[in-house]
Amino acid sequence: MFDFIDLPLLWAILIAVGVLMYVLLDGFDLGVGILTSRASSEDERNMMTATIEPVWDGNETWLIIGGGGLFAAFPKAYAILMPAFYLPLLIMLAALIFRGVAFEFRHKAVRPATKTFWNSAFWSGSLIAAFSQGIMLGALIQGVNVVDGAWGGGSFNWLTPFSLLTGFAVTIGYILLGACWLILKTENGLQERALKWAKLSLLAVSICFALVSLATLLSNPQIVARWGMTLGELNFGRMALLAPVPLLGLLLCGLLWRDISRLSADKEAAPHWRGFLYTAGIFLTGYLGLGISLLPYIVPFEVTIWEAAARDNALAFMAVGAVIMLPIILAYTAYVYSLFWGKVKPGDGYHA
């Protein structure tokens, strides 16, 4: 059935799509979670959580698809990367679990001290999960130490100034996604505050965009060569071919700034959904830039997707399930978002 398809490449694309879906969908609800720390009242905090309540746990399905797909389709890469990122991965998973518990328990709390504890657990769990994901991204870009086909580094090789920078950048990016989601889903005072959060986080994202791009080029000469720059010469043909990706990211930042400024003056000056779409586009351009920098390596500059892939018969067997299940997951996701489309009103959300 799949004899004419490059199965390792197909599975690399499926996993890449799964990870991108996770970043965009769970990214905005992590951003909203972080922003609940800035809520002006408990009612406002409840409205913020009500915007993500119908979808937040479903968004994490894509994390399972990405992680499970890596384990099943690329076992060699999984065996190398998991030991490299054990600690930040465990911290991220613990934060996501604690955040999920806090999401439910904050509604049950009666005493002010208990409610404050669970509210803090919710936003701090969101913050730690986002930051951990950014740290793992930075450590992956820098490369992992592979010796004889296995992880050969130490327990804290992932902790570097560059990974801390990417951790901060991803966190700010999620905050921007969350703020734009609140612009879409809320109105009146909360929407005005979300516009301010979006403007501040967009400034920070733009700075991080430049800093991470520069640091990435400085950290690895192989990545520099991918973009048409070497120590001796510049490949203007390659640079011209790839330049539209970062330029599109900058254009989307400008368009988002324009919409935020217009909406700050007049709430009907631009569609409320467009800011979230622009932000998703900014993330997509960064994702494409990452792909240009690293592919076809799944373990950067050590193991390619073909070297890490499972046998073709196993990939073909799993592809049958993916062909059946992925459209169902996408259709269900679209249905849930359409079902809960519209503005959140006071009193919406959790009811015991």
Protein backbone atom coordinates (compact mmCIF):
# COMPACT_ATOMS: atom_id res chain seq x y z
CA MET A 1 0.00 0.00 0.00
CA PHE A 2 2.82 2.43 0.86
CA ASP A 3 5.51 0.95 -1.42
CA PHE A 4 5.79 4.16 -3.46
CA ILE A 5 6.12 6.45 -0.41
CA ASP A 6 9.25 7.42 1.48
CA LEU A 7 7.90 6.22 4.85
CA PRO A 8 10.59 7.80 7.12
CA LEU A 9 9.96 11.15 5.42
CA LEU A 10 6.19 10.68 5.75
CA TRP A 11 6.51 9.99 9.46
CA ALA A 12 8.86 12.92 9.93
CA ILE A 13 6.19 15.15 8.36
CA LEU A 14 3.42 13.64 10.51
CA ILE A 15 5.42 14.17 13.71
CA ALA A 16 6.38 17.70 12.63
CA VAL A 17 2.69 18.51 12.05
CA GLY A 18 1.77 17.01 15.42
CA VAL A 19 4.40 19.09 17.22
CA LEU A 20 3.31 22.25 15.38
CA MET A 21 -0.33 21.63 16.30
CA TYR A 22 0.69 21.16 19.93
CA VAL A 23 2.73 24.37 19.95
CA LEU A 24 -0.10 26.43 18.48
CA LEU A 25 -3.00 24.90 20.42
CA ASP A 26 -1.51 24.12 23.81
CA GLY A 27 0.74 27.17 23.41
CA PHE A 28 -2.15 29.62 23.65
CA ASP A 29 -3.71 27.93 26.68
CA LEU A 30 -0.33 27.85 28.42
CA GLY A 31 -0.09 31.56 27.59
CA VAL A 32 -3.53 32.21 29.05
CA GLY A 33 -2.50 30.23 32.14
CA ILE A 34 0.57 32.42 32.62
CA LEU A 35 -1.50 35.58 32.12
CA THR A 36 -3.94 34.59 34.87
CA SER A 37 -1.21 35.81 37.23
CA ARG A 38 -2.00 39.32 35.95
CA ALA A 39 -5.79 39.08 36.41
CA SER A 40 -7.25 42.03 38.29
CA SER A 41 -9.86 39.98 40.14
CA GLU A 42 -11.07 36.43 40.69
CA ASP A 43 -13.98 37.03 38.29
CA GLU A 44 -11.56 38.14 35.58
CA ARG A 45 -9.38 35.09 36.24
CA ASN A 46 -12.44 32.85 35.93
CA MET A 47 -13.30 34.42 32.59
CA MET A 48 -9.76 33.84 31.35
CA THR A 49 -9.85 30.16 32.30
CA ALA A 50 -13.35 29.85 30.79
CA THR A 51 -11.89 30.74 27.37
CA ILE A 52 -9.71 27.61 27.43
CA GLU A 53 -11.84 25.27 29.56
CA PRO A 54 -13.52 23.40 26.67
CA VAL A 55 -10.30 22.78 24.74
CA TRP A 56 -7.22 22.78 26.96
CA ASP A 57 -7.01 19.06 27.72
CA GLY A 58 -7.77 18.12 24.10
CA ASN A 59 -4.92 20.37 22.97
CA GLU A 60 -2.44 18.15 24.80
CA THR A 61 -3.42 15.21 22.57
CA TRP A 62 -0.94 16.54 20.04
CA LEU A 63 1.91 16.23 22.55
CA ILE A 64 1.15 12.51 22.82
CA ILE A 65 1.11 12.19 19.02
CA GLY A 66 4.50 13.88 18.75
CA GLY A 67 6.18 11.96 21.58
CA GLY A 68 4.55 8.63 20.79
CA GLY A 69 5.30 9.01 17.10
CA LEU A 70 8.96 9.66 17.82
CA PHE A 71 9.17 6.54 20.00
CA ALA A 72 7.46 4.30 17.45
CA ALA A 73 8.77 5.66 14.15
CA PHE A 74 12.29 6.79 15.10
CA PRO A 75 13.42 4.58 18.01
CA LYS A 76 17.12 5.39 17.55
CA ALA A 77 16.46 9.13 17.82
CA TYR A 78 14.20 8.54 20.81
CA ALA A 79 16.94 6.51 22.54
CA ILE A 80 19.42 9.36 22.05
CA LEU A 81 17.20 12.35 22.81
CA MET A 82 15.33 11.04 25.85
CA PRO A 83 18.45 10.62 28.06
CA ALA A 84 19.67 14.01 26.84
CA PHE A 85 16.49 15.73 28.05
CA TYR A 86 15.36 13.56 30.96
CA LEU A 87 15.40 16.33 33.56
CA PRO A 88 13.70 19.17 31.62
CA LEU A 89 11.20 16.67 30.21
CA LEU A 90 10.29 15.40 33.67
CA ILE A 91 9.98 18.96 34.94
CA MET A 92 7.69 19.82 32.01
CA LEU A 93 5.48 16.77 32.56
CA ALA A 94 5.27 17.42 36.31
CA ALA A 95 4.30 21.04 35.61
CA LEU A 96 1.60 19.96 33.15
CA ILE A 97 0.19 17.46 35.66
CA PHE A 98 0.25 19.98 38.52
CA ARG A 99 -1.34 22.57 36.22
CA GLY A 100 -4.14 20.16 35.32
CA VAL A 101 -4.85 19.40 38.96
CA ALA A 102 -4.78 23.10 39.82
CA PHE A 103 -7.23 23.86 36.98
CA GLU A 104 -9.86 21.71 38.69
CA PHE A 105 -9.01 22.36 42.34
CA ARG A 106 -8.98 26.16 42.09
CA HIS A 107 -12.75 26.01 41.51
CA LYS A 108 -13.25 23.82 44.59
CA ALA A 109 -11.21 25.94 46.97
CA VAL A 110 -13.23 27.84 49.55
CA ARG A 111 -10.68 29.44 51.85
CA PRO A 112 -8.77 32.43 50.36
CA ALA A 113 -5.37 30.92 51.16
CA THR A 114 -6.25 27.65 49.43
CA LYS A 115 -7.65 29.45 46.39
CA THR A 116 -4.51 31.57 46.18
CA PHE A 117 -2.37 28.42 46.32
CA TRP A 118 -4.19 26.69 43.47
CA ASN A 119 -4.33 29.85 41.37
CA SER A 120 -0.57 30.20 41.81
CA ALA A 121 -0.08 26.53 40.98
CA PHE A 122 -2.03 26.99 37.75
CA TRP A 123 -0.06 29.93 36.39
CA SER A 124 3.32 28.71 37.67
CA GLY A 125 2.71 25.24 36.19
CA SER A 126 1.93 26.90 32.85
CA LEU A 127 5.08 29.02 33.09
CA ILE A 128 7.38 26.11 33.99
CA ALA A 129 5.97 23.90 31.24
CA ALA A 130 6.44 26.62 28.62
CA PHE A 131 9.96 27.46 29.77
CA SER A 132 10.97 23.78 29.83
CA GLN A 133 9.81 23.32 26.26
CA GLY A 134 11.87 26.31 25.16
CA ILE A 135 14.95 25.00 26.97
CA MET A 136 14.67 21.62 25.22
CA LEU A 137 14.31 23.38 21.87
CA GLY A 138 17.47 25.39 22.47
CA ALA A 139 19.42 22.34 23.60
CA LEU A 140 18.28 20.46 20.48
CA ILE A 141 19.39 23.29 18.17
CA GLN A 142 22.80 23.42 19.84
CA GLY A 143 23.18 19.69 19.29
CA VAL A 144 23.52 16.69 21.55
CA ASN A 145 26.62 14.68 22.32
CA VAL A 146 26.39 11.34 20.48
CA VAL A 147 29.03 8.66 21.11
CA ASP A 148 28.84 5.33 19.26
CA GLY A 149 25.21 5.94 18.33
CA ALA A 150 24.08 6.73 21.89
CA TRP A 151 23.79 9.72 24.20
CA GLY A 152 27.23 10.52 25.57
CA GLY A 153 26.73 13.75 27.50
CA GLY A 154 26.13 14.75 31.08
CA SER A 155 22.93 15.36 33.02
CA PHE A 156 23.05 19.14 32.57
CA ASN A 157 24.37 19.54 29.02
CA TRP A 158 20.97 20.98 28.09
CA LEU A 159 21.46 23.94 30.44
CA THR A 160 23.30 26.68 28.54
CA PRO A 161 22.87 30.45 28.02
CA PHE A 162 21.43 29.70 24.58
CA SER A 163 18.84 27.23 25.91
CA LEU A 164 17.83 29.74 28.60
CA LEU A 165 17.37 32.35 25.85
CA THR A 166 15.16 30.01 23.80
CA GLY A 167 13.26 29.09 26.97
CA PHE A 168 12.47 32.75 27.54
CA ALA A 169 11.61 33.27 23.85
CA VAL A 170 9.15 30.36 23.71
CA THR A 171 7.51 31.51 26.95
CA ILE A 172 7.02 35.03 25.61
CA GLY A 173 5.70 33.59 22.36
CA TYR A 174 3.11 31.56 24.26
CA ILE A 175 2.11 34.67 26.20
CA LEU A 176 1.56 36.46 22.87
CA LEU A 177 -0.58 33.56 21.65
CA GLY A 178 -2.55 33.63 24.90
CA ALA A 179 -3.09 37.40 24.75
CA CYS A 180 -4.34 37.18 21.15
CA TRP A 181 -6.67 34.33 22.15
CA LEU A 182 -8.10 36.55 24.90
CA ILE A 183 -8.59 39.37 22.37
CA LEU A 184 -10.60 36.92 20.27
CA LYS A 185 -12.64 35.43 23.13
CA THR A 186 -13.30 38.34 25.51
CA GLU A 187 -14.60 41.89 25.44
CA ASN A 188 -14.69 45.15 27.44
CA GLY A 189 -12.12 45.56 30.22
CA LEU A 190 -10.45 42.16 29.91
CA GLN A 191 -10.05 42.59 26.17
CA GLU A 192 -8.44 46.01 26.72
CA ARG A 193 -5.96 44.44 29.12
CA ALA A 194 -5.30 41.64 26.64
CA LEU A 195 -4.47 44.22 23.97
CA LYS A 196 -1.87 45.77 26.28
CA TRP A 197 -0.41 42.34 27.06
CA ALA A 198 -0.29 41.53 23.36
CA LYS A 199 1.53 44.75 22.49
CA LEU A 200 4.16 44.26 25.21
CA SER A 201 4.69 40.58 24.40
CA LEU A 202 4.92 41.33 20.65
CA LEU A 203 7.76 43.77 21.34
CA ALA A 204 9.51 41.10 23.40
CA VAL A 205 8.87 38.43 20.74
CA SER A 206 10.37 40.66 18.04
CA ILE A 207 13.51 41.18 20.12
CA CYS A 208 13.72 37.46 20.92
CA PHE A 209 13.17 36.64 17.23
CA ALA A 210 16.29 38.62 16.36
CA LEU A 211 18.39 37.41 19.31
CA VAL A 212 17.60 33.71 18.85
CA SER A 213 18.21 33.93 15.10
CA LEU A 214 21.57 35.62 15.63
CA ALA A 215 22.58 33.25 18.44
CA THR A 216 21.57 30.23 16.34
CA LEU A 217 23.76 31.38 13.45
CA LEU A 218 26.67 32.05 15.81
CA SER A 219 26.31 28.73 17.65
CA ASN A 220 26.68 26.33 14.73
CA PRO A 221 28.56 26.87 11.44
CA GLN A 222 26.55 24.09 9.78
CA ILE A 223 23.35 26.07 10.35
CA VAL A 224 25.03 29.17 8.94
CA ALA A 225 25.93 27.20 5.81
CA ARG A 226 22.31 26.10 5.43
CA TRP A 227 21.34 29.74 5.03
CA GLY A 228 24.01 30.40 2.38
CA MET A 229 26.72 31.91 4.56
CA THR A 230 30.19 30.48 5.07
CA LEU A 231 33.47 31.88 6.33
CA GLY A 232 34.78 32.42 2.82
CA GLU A 233 31.75 33.39 0.76
CA LEU A 234 28.06 34.14 0.57
CA ASN A 235 25.70 32.02 -1.51
CA PHE A 236 23.33 34.74 -2.66
CA GLY A 237 21.17 32.29 -4.58
CA ARG A 238 20.46 30.21 -1.46
CA MET A 239 20.01 33.32 0.67
CA ALA A 240 17.49 34.77 -1.80
CA LEU A 241 15.60 31.46 -1.85
CA LEU A 242 15.34 31.23 1.94
CA ALA A 243 15.07 34.92 2.89
CA PRO A 244 11.25 35.03 2.43
CA VAL A 245 10.80 32.87 5.53
CA PRO A 246 12.25 35.31 8.13
CA LEU A 247 10.99 38.29 6.11
CA LEU A 248 7.46 36.89 6.26
CA GLY A 249 7.85 36.56 10.02
CA LEU A 250 8.84 40.22 10.28
CA LEU A 251 5.93 41.23 8.03
CA LEU A 252 3.48 39.33 10.23
CA CYS A 253 4.90 41.06 13.32
CA GLY A 254 4.25 44.41 11.63
CA LEU A 255 0.71 43.45 10.62
CA LEU A 256 -0.04 42.23 14.13
CA TRP A 257 1.27 45.47 15.64
CA ARG A 258 -0.98 47.43 13.27
CA ASP A 259 -4.06 45.44 14.25
CA ILE A 260 -3.34 45.72 17.97
CA SER A 261 -2.88 49.48 17.65
CA ARG A 262 -6.12 49.86 15.69
CA LEU A 263 -8.10 47.71 18.13
CA SER A 264 -6.72 49.70 21.07
CA ALA A 265 -8.32 52.82 19.57
CA ASP A 266 -11.47 51.22 18.14
CA LYS A 267 -12.65 47.70 19.02
CA GLU A 268 -14.26 47.32 15.57
CA ALA A 269 -11.26 48.51 13.56
CA ALA A 270 -10.05 44.99 12.76
CA PRO A 271 -11.38 41.42 13.06
CA HIS A 272 -10.67 40.04 16.53
CA TRP A 273 -9.59 36.66 15.14
CA ARG A 274 -6.92 38.06 12.85
CA GLY A 275 -4.35 38.77 15.56
CA PHE A 276 -4.35 35.12 16.63
CA LEU A 277 -3.93 34.09 12.98
CA TYR A 278 -0.99 36.46 12.55
CA THR A 279 0.64 35.08 15.70
CA ALA A 280 0.18 31.51 14.47
CA GLY A 281 1.88 32.61 11.25
CA ILE A 282 4.82 34.04 13.20
CA PHE A 283 5.26 30.69 14.94
CA LEU A 284 4.97 28.90 11.59
CA THR A 285 7.76 30.97 10.03
CA GLY A 286 9.98 30.19 13.02
CA TYR A 287 9.11 26.52 12.66
CA LEU A 288 9.98 26.58 8.95
CA GLY A 289 13.26 28.31 9.77
CA LEU A 290 14.04 25.55 12.26
CA GLY A 291 13.30 22.93 9.60
CA ILE A 292 15.57 24.67 7.09
CA SER A 293 18.35 24.77 9.70
CA LEU A 294 18.15 21.13 10.80
CA LEU A 295 16.57 18.83 8.20
CA PRO A 296 17.13 16.05 7.27
CA TYR A 297 18.69 15.47 10.70
CA ILE A 298 16.37 14.35 13.50
CA VAL A 299 19.29 14.41 15.95
CA PRO A 300 20.97 17.59 14.72
CA PHE A 301 23.96 16.87 12.48
CA GLU A 302 24.38 13.37 13.92
CA VAL A 303 21.48 11.13 12.83
CA THR A 304 19.18 11.63 9.82
CA ILE A 305 15.51 10.64 9.73
CA TRP A 306 16.38 7.65 7.52
CA GLU A 307 19.12 6.43 9.84
CA ALA A 308 16.85 6.70 12.90
CA ALA A 309 13.71 5.21 11.33
CA ALA A 310 12.14 1.90 12.25
CA ARG A 311 11.74 -0.80 9.59
CA ASP A 312 9.49 0.00 6.66
CA ASN A 313 6.99 -2.73 7.52
CA ALA A 314 6.51 -1.22 11.00
CA LEU A 315 6.19 2.29 9.57
CA ALA A 316 3.66 1.08 7.00
CA PHE A 317 1.60 -0.69 9.65
CA MET A 318 1.49 2.45 11.82
CA ALA A 319 0.75 4.63 8.79
CA VAL A 320 -2.54 2.76 8.28
CA GLY A 321 -3.62 3.81 11.78
CA ALA A 322 -2.40 7.37 11.22
CA VAL A 323 -4.33 7.69 7.95
CA ILE A 324 -7.50 6.63 9.77
CA MET A 325 -7.08 8.47 13.08
CA LEU A 326 -5.53 11.81 12.15
CA PRO A 327 -8.52 12.99 10.08
CA ILE A 328 -10.79 11.97 12.96
CA ILE A 329 -8.70 13.94 15.46
CA LEU A 330 -8.58 16.97 13.16
CA ALA A 331 -12.35 16.81 12.55
CA TYR A 332 -13.10 16.48 16.26
CA THR A 333 -10.76 19.37 17.09
CA ALA A 334 -12.42 21.57 14.47
CA TYR A 335 -15.87 20.58 15.74
CA VAL A 336 -15.05 21.44 19.36
CA TYR A 337 -13.61 24.83 18.43
CA SER A 338 -16.61 25.64 16.24
CA LEU A 339 -19.01 24.50 18.97
CA PHE A 340 -17.48 26.89 21.53
CA TRP A 341 -16.85 29.73 19.09
CA GLY A 342 -17.79 33.20 20.27
CA LYS A 343 -17.15 35.51 23.18
CA VAL A 344 -17.00 34.34 26.78
CA LYS A 345 -19.51 36.12 29.02
CA PRO A 346 -19.36 36.70 32.79
CA GLY A 347 -20.50 33.55 34.54
CA ASP A 348 -19.39 31.22 31.74
CA GLY A 349 -17.05 28.38 32.61
CA TYR A 350 -16.80 25.85 35.36
CA HIS A 351 -19.87 24.96 37.38
CA ALA A 352 -19.50 22.46 40.19
